[in-house]
């Protein structure tokens, strides 16, 4: 069994640079996108800046709570490898996967 690691809730470019340039970077780096109640939430403007940091050997994950089409359109062109979805019905998950052509991260 291969052990995989994920650092989630990254909201600072200095931290992100440290993570992706580490000798042993995590396989996944997650960003809290549409849940402003979280202290780790990142708004779209800041998210676009963070996405300019080259991910090197890590995968970028958009962490989304029951996302609407508006937020999905805003992040669609950003370099996310995976979407991690919470609080979504199975039909909505299937639709998001088909429309946005992203892999889903299941933890």
Protein backbone atom coordinates (compact mmCIF):
# COMPACT_ATOMS: atom_id res chain seq x y z
CA UNK A 1 0.00 0.00 0.00
CA UNK A 2 1.33 3.43 -0.95
CA UNK A 3 0.93 6.12 1.66
CA UNK A 4 -0.27 9.44 0.25
CA UNK A 5 -0.13 12.83 1.93
CA UNK A 6 -2.17 16.01 1.59
CA UNK A 7 -1.70 19.43 3.09
CA UNK A 8 -4.98 21.30 3.03
CA UNK A 9 -6.06 24.85 3.66
CA UNK A 10 -3.07 26.57 2.09
CA UNK A 11 -3.74 30.30 1.79
CA UNK A 12 -0.31 31.91 1.67
CA UNK A 13 2.17 31.97 -1.22
CA UNK A 14 5.20 31.74 1.10
CA UNK A 15 3.84 28.55 2.67
CA UNK A 16 2.86 27.17 -0.73
CA UNK A 17 6.34 27.77 -2.14
CA UNK A 18 7.88 26.02 0.86
CA UNK A 19 5.55 23.04 0.47
CA UNK A 20 6.02 22.44 -3.27
CA UNK A 21 9.78 23.00 -3.11
CA UNK A 22 10.34 20.72 -0.11
CA UNK A 23 12.56 17.67 -0.59
CA UNK A 24 9.54 15.51 0.27
CA UNK A 25 6.50 17.44 -0.95
CA UNK A 26 2.99 16.17 -0.28
CA UNK A 27 1.22 14.42 -3.11
CA UNK A 28 -1.77 16.77 -2.76
CA UNK A 29 -2.11 20.45 -1.81
CA UNK A 30 -5.65 21.59 -1.05
CA UNK A 31 -7.30 25.00 -1.18
CA UNK A 32 -10.60 25.81 0.57
CA UNK A 33 -12.47 27.66 -2.15
CA UNK A 34 -16.12 28.27 -1.47
CA UNK A 35 -16.54 27.95 2.27
CA UNK A 36 -15.93 31.39 3.83
CA UNK A 37 -16.76 30.05 7.32
CA UNK A 38 -13.37 28.33 7.29
CA UNK A 39 -10.41 30.31 8.59
CA UNK A 40 -8.45 28.69 5.75
CA UNK A 41 -10.82 29.99 3.03
CA UNK A 42 -9.20 31.59 -0.02
CA UNK A 43 -11.12 34.10 -2.14
CA UNK A 44 -10.91 33.91 -5.94
CA UNK A 45 -8.56 36.87 -6.33
CA UNK A 46 -6.01 35.42 -3.91
CA UNK A 47 -6.54 31.94 -5.31
CA UNK A 48 -5.53 33.11 -8.80
CA UNK A 49 -2.28 34.44 -7.36
CA UNK A 50 -1.59 31.20 -5.48
CA UNK A 51 -2.19 29.18 -8.64
CA UNK A 52 0.76 30.93 -10.28
CA UNK A 53 3.08 28.97 -7.98
CA UNK A 54 4.40 25.99 -9.94
CA UNK A 55 3.12 22.82 -8.31
CA UNK A 56 6.08 20.71 -9.40
CA UNK A 57 5.48 17.18 -8.04
CA UNK A 58 2.25 17.86 -6.16
CA UNK A 59 -1.34 17.86 -7.34
CA UNK A 60 -3.54 20.90 -6.66
CA UNK A 61 -6.95 20.14 -5.13
CA UNK A 62 -9.97 22.45 -5.09
CA UNK A 63 -11.85 21.70 -1.86
CA UNK A 64 -15.51 22.57 -2.49
CA UNK A 65 -18.62 22.44 -0.32
CA UNK A 66 -21.75 21.86 -2.42
CA UNK A 67 -20.44 24.13 -5.20
CA UNK A 68 -22.78 26.04 -7.50
CA UNK A 69 -22.15 26.51 -11.22
CA UNK A 70 -20.88 30.07 -10.70
CA UNK A 71 -17.93 29.01 -8.54
CA UNK A 72 -17.18 26.06 -10.83
CA UNK A 73 -16.97 28.41 -13.81
CA UNK A 74 -14.69 30.79 -11.91
CA UNK A 75 -12.17 28.05 -11.11
CA UNK A 76 -12.52 25.98 -14.29
CA UNK A 77 -9.46 27.46 -16.01
CA UNK A 78 -7.26 27.26 -12.91
CA UNK A 79 -4.69 24.42 -12.82
CA UNK A 80 -6.52 22.09 -10.43
CA UNK A 81 -5.88 18.40 -10.85
CA UNK A 82 -8.67 17.26 -8.55
CA UNK A 83 -11.90 18.45 -6.98
CA UNK A 84 -12.66 17.29 -3.46
CA UNK A 85 -16.40 17.63 -2.88
CA UNK A 86 -18.37 17.81 0.35
CA UNK A 87 -22.11 17.90 1.00
CA UNK A 88 -23.08 16.89 -2.55
CA UNK A 89 -25.67 14.43 -3.75
CA UNK A 90 -24.37 11.61 -6.00
CA UNK A 91 -26.11 13.01 -9.09
CA UNK A 92 -24.51 16.41 -8.56
CA UNK A 93 -21.09 14.82 -8.10
CA UNK A 94 -21.49 12.93 -11.37
CA UNK A 95 -22.58 16.10 -13.17
CA UNK A 96 -19.64 18.12 -11.82
CA UNK A 97 -17.21 15.42 -12.88
CA UNK A 98 -18.64 15.20 -16.39
CA UNK A 99 -18.97 18.97 -17.01
CA UNK A 100 -15.63 19.98 -15.55
CA UNK A 101 -13.54 17.01 -16.60
CA UNK A 102 -11.74 16.78 -13.28
CA UNK A 103 -10.77 13.80 -11.24
CA UNK A 104 -12.44 13.60 -7.86
CA UNK A 105 -10.38 13.06 -4.75
CA UNK A 106 -12.07 10.67 -2.39
CA UNK A 107 -10.69 10.49 1.12
